[in-house]
Amino acid sequence: MAKLRTISLVALLLAAMGSANADTLQMQGASAGSNDERPTRGMTQASVESKYGSPAAVKAPVGDPPITRWEYANFVVFFEHDKVIHAVVKR
């Protein structure tokens, strides 16, 4: 009886190992992009403006800590105080 349990357990483990798989999520219109396409986290407002020029629009700071949004033609940059916290490429 113990031998039957051992064989059953081994068969169950082998079956579980063989059925593992993963899916790949593909999103249209989104790409990792290179760091030259948009500012990186930690850059100052002065360094962003120096590298990418003046933004097309600047939204006033909101909240505490203040979050400011600069809009460029191809991306939007979010600042906390004067440091980049996030930059996203526009679709």
C-alpha atoms as a PDB file:
ATOM      1  CA  MET A   1       0.000   0.000   0.000  1.00  0.00           C
ATOM      2  CA  ALA A   2       2.860   2.406   0.813  1.00  0.00           C
ATOM      3  CA  LYS A   3       4.449   1.658  -2.555  1.00  0.00           C
ATOM      4  CA  LEU A   4       1.192   2.541  -4.331  1.00  0.00           C
ATOM      5  CA  ARG A   5       1.006   5.875  -2.435  1.00  0.00           C
ATOM      6  CA  THR A   6       4.604   6.710  -3.359  1.00  0.00           C
ATOM      7  CA  ILE A   7       4.005   5.941  -7.025  1.00  0.00           C
ATOM      8  CA  SER A   8       0.787   7.984  -6.998  1.00  0.00           C
ATOM      9  CA  LEU A   9       2.527  10.927  -5.335  1.00  0.00           C
ATOM     10  CA  VAL A  10       5.400  10.867  -7.841  1.00  0.00           C
ATOM     11  CA  ALA A  11       2.937  10.688 -10.760  1.00  0.00           C
ATOM     12  CA  LEU A  12       0.954  13.612  -9.340  1.00  0.00           C
ATOM     13  CA  LEU A  13       4.097  15.750  -8.913  1.00  0.00           C
ATOM     14  CA  LEU A  14       5.291  14.974 -12.451  1.00  0.00           C
ATOM     15  CA  ALA A  15       1.886  15.893 -13.852  1.00  0.00           C
ATOM     16  CA  ALA A  16       1.870  19.190 -11.952  1.00  0.00           C
ATOM     17  CA  MET A  17       5.367  20.092 -13.163  1.00  0.00           C
ATOM     18  CA  GLY A  18       4.515  19.386 -16.782  1.00  0.00           C
ATOM     19  CA  SER A  19       1.435  21.642 -16.808  1.00  0.00           C
ATOM     20  CA  ALA A  20       3.098  24.907 -15.712  1.00  0.00           C
ATOM     21  CA  ASN A  21       3.066  27.696 -18.294  1.00  0.00           C
ATOM     22  CA  ALA A  22       3.027  31.478 -18.553  1.00  0.00           C
ATOM     23  CA  ASP A  23       1.276  34.022 -20.734  1.00  0.00           C
ATOM     24  CA  THR A  24       2.847  37.083 -22.319  1.00  0.00           C
ATOM     25  CA  LEU A  25       0.900  40.324 -22.084  1.00  0.00           C
ATOM     26  CA  GLN A  26       1.172  42.439 -25.217  1.00  0.00           C
ATOM     27  CA  MET A  27      -0.221  45.954 -25.167  1.00  0.00           C
ATOM     28  CA  GLN A  28      -0.745  47.850 -28.393  1.00  0.00           C
ATOM     29  CA  GLY A  29       0.567  51.401 -28.421  1.00  0.00           C
ATOM     30  CA  ALA A  30       2.845  50.890 -25.429  1.00  0.00           C
ATOM     31  CA  SER A  31       6.548  50.278 -25.446  1.00  0.00           C
ATOM     32  CA  ALA A  32       9.366  50.281 -22.945  1.00  0.00           C
ATOM     33  CA  GLY A  33      11.224  52.809 -25.060  1.00  0.00           C
ATOM     34  CA  SER A  34      14.696  54.095 -24.454  1.00  0.00           C
ATOM     35  CA  ASN A  35      15.545  56.555 -21.714  1.00  0.00           C
ATOM     36  CA  ASP A  36      16.301  59.252 -24.334  1.00  0.00           C
ATOM     37  CA  GLU A  37      12.617  59.403 -25.272  1.00  0.00           C
ATOM     38  CA  ARG A  38      11.629  60.804 -21.888  1.00  0.00           C
ATOM     39  CA  PRO A  39      13.165  62.116 -18.671  1.00  0.00           C
ATOM     40  CA  THR A  40      14.224  59.664 -15.969  1.00  0.00           C
ATOM     41  CA  ARG A  41      13.289  59.586 -12.317  1.00  0.00           C
ATOM     42  CA  GLY A  42      15.290  61.990 -10.165  1.00  0.00           C
ATOM     43  CA  MET A  43      16.087  64.555 -12.857  1.00  0.00           C
ATOM     44  CA  THR A  44      15.531  68.168 -11.802  1.00  0.00           C
ATOM     45  CA  GLN A  45      13.190  70.545 -13.573  1.00  0.00           C
ATOM     46  CA  ALA A  46      16.220  72.526 -14.754  1.00  0.00           C
ATOM     47  CA  SER A  47      17.885  69.438 -16.263  1.00  0.00           C
ATOM     48  CA  VAL A  48      14.643  68.380 -17.986  1.00  0.00           C
ATOM     49  CA  GLU A  49      14.202  71.830 -19.499  1.00  0.00           C
ATOM     50  CA  SER A  50      17.873  71.895 -20.523  1.00  0.00           C
ATOM     51  CA  LYS A  51      17.688  68.516 -22.261  1.00  0.00           C
ATOM     52  CA  TYR A  52      14.156  68.596 -23.726  1.00  0.00           C
ATOM     53  CA  GLY A  53      13.418  72.324 -24.008  1.00  0.00           C
ATOM     54  CA  SER A  54      10.489  74.258 -22.603  1.00  0.00           C
ATOM     55  CA  PRO A  55       7.272  72.288 -22.092  1.00  0.00           C
ATOM     56  CA  ALA A  56       4.234  73.016 -24.241  1.00  0.00           C
ATOM     57  CA  ALA A  57       2.143  73.383 -21.072  1.00  0.00           C
ATOM     58  CA  VAL A  58       2.788  73.525 -17.334  1.00  0.00           C
ATOM     59  CA  LYS A  59       0.015  72.566 -14.918  1.00  0.00           C
ATOM     60  CA  ALA A  60       0.020  74.194 -11.488  1.00  0.00           C
ATOM     61  CA  PRO A  61       1.182  72.150  -8.472  1.00  0.00           C
ATOM     62  CA  VAL A  62      -1.536  70.092  -6.784  1.00  0.00           C
ATOM     63  CA  GLY A  63      -1.624  68.436  -3.366  1.00  0.00           C
ATOM     64  CA  ASP A  64       0.880  67.931  -0.578  1.00  0.00           C
ATOM     65  CA  PRO A  65       3.620  67.240  -1.522  1.00  0.00           C
ATOM     66  CA  PRO A  66       3.076  69.414  -4.583  1.00  0.00           C
ATOM     67  CA  ILE A  67       2.889  67.475  -7.865  1.00  0.00           C
ATOM     68  CA  THR A  68       3.515  69.518 -11.026  1.00  0.00           C
ATOM     69  CA  ARG A  69       2.849  68.274 -14.562  1.00  0.00           C
ATOM     70  CA  TRP A  70       4.792  69.365 -17.626  1.00  0.00           C
ATOM     71  CA  GLU A  71       3.369  68.419 -21.006  1.00  0.00           C
ATOM     72  CA  TYR A  72       5.579  67.942 -24.048  1.00  0.00           C
ATOM     73  CA  ALA A  73       4.569  66.870 -27.556  1.00  0.00           C
ATOM     74  CA  ASN A  74       5.507  63.192 -27.026  1.00  0.00           C
ATOM     75  CA  PHE A  75       5.482  62.729 -23.253  1.00  0.00           C
ATOM     76  CA  VAL A  76       4.232  64.090 -19.913  1.00  0.00           C
ATOM     77  CA  VAL A  77       6.514  64.574 -16.903  1.00  0.00           C
ATOM     78  CA  PHE A  78       5.355  64.564 -13.274  1.00  0.00           C
ATOM     79  CA  PHE A  79       7.455  66.336 -10.641  1.00  0.00           C
ATOM     80  CA  GLU A  80       7.349  66.171  -6.858  1.00  0.00           C
ATOM     81  CA  HIS A  81       8.782  69.517  -5.793  1.00  0.00           C
ATOM     82  CA  ASP A  82      11.477  69.891  -8.511  1.00  0.00           C
ATOM     83  CA  LYS A  83      12.376  66.213  -9.100  1.00  0.00           C
ATOM     84  CA  VAL A  84      10.935  63.867 -11.754  1.00  0.00           C
ATOM     85  CA  ILE A  85       8.855  61.093 -10.201  1.00  0.00           C
ATOM     86  CA  HIS A  86       7.340  59.744 -13.417  1.00  0.00           C
ATOM     87  CA  ALA A  87       7.365  60.363 -17.157  1.00  0.00           C
ATOM     88  CA  VAL A  88       4.979  58.716 -19.605  1.00  0.00           C
ATOM     89  CA  VAL A  89       5.032  58.560 -23.393  1.00  0.00           C
ATOM     90  CA  LYS A  90       1.850  59.831 -25.071  1.00  0.00           C
ATOM     91  CA  ARG A  91       0.026  57.510 -27.456  1.00  0.00           C
END
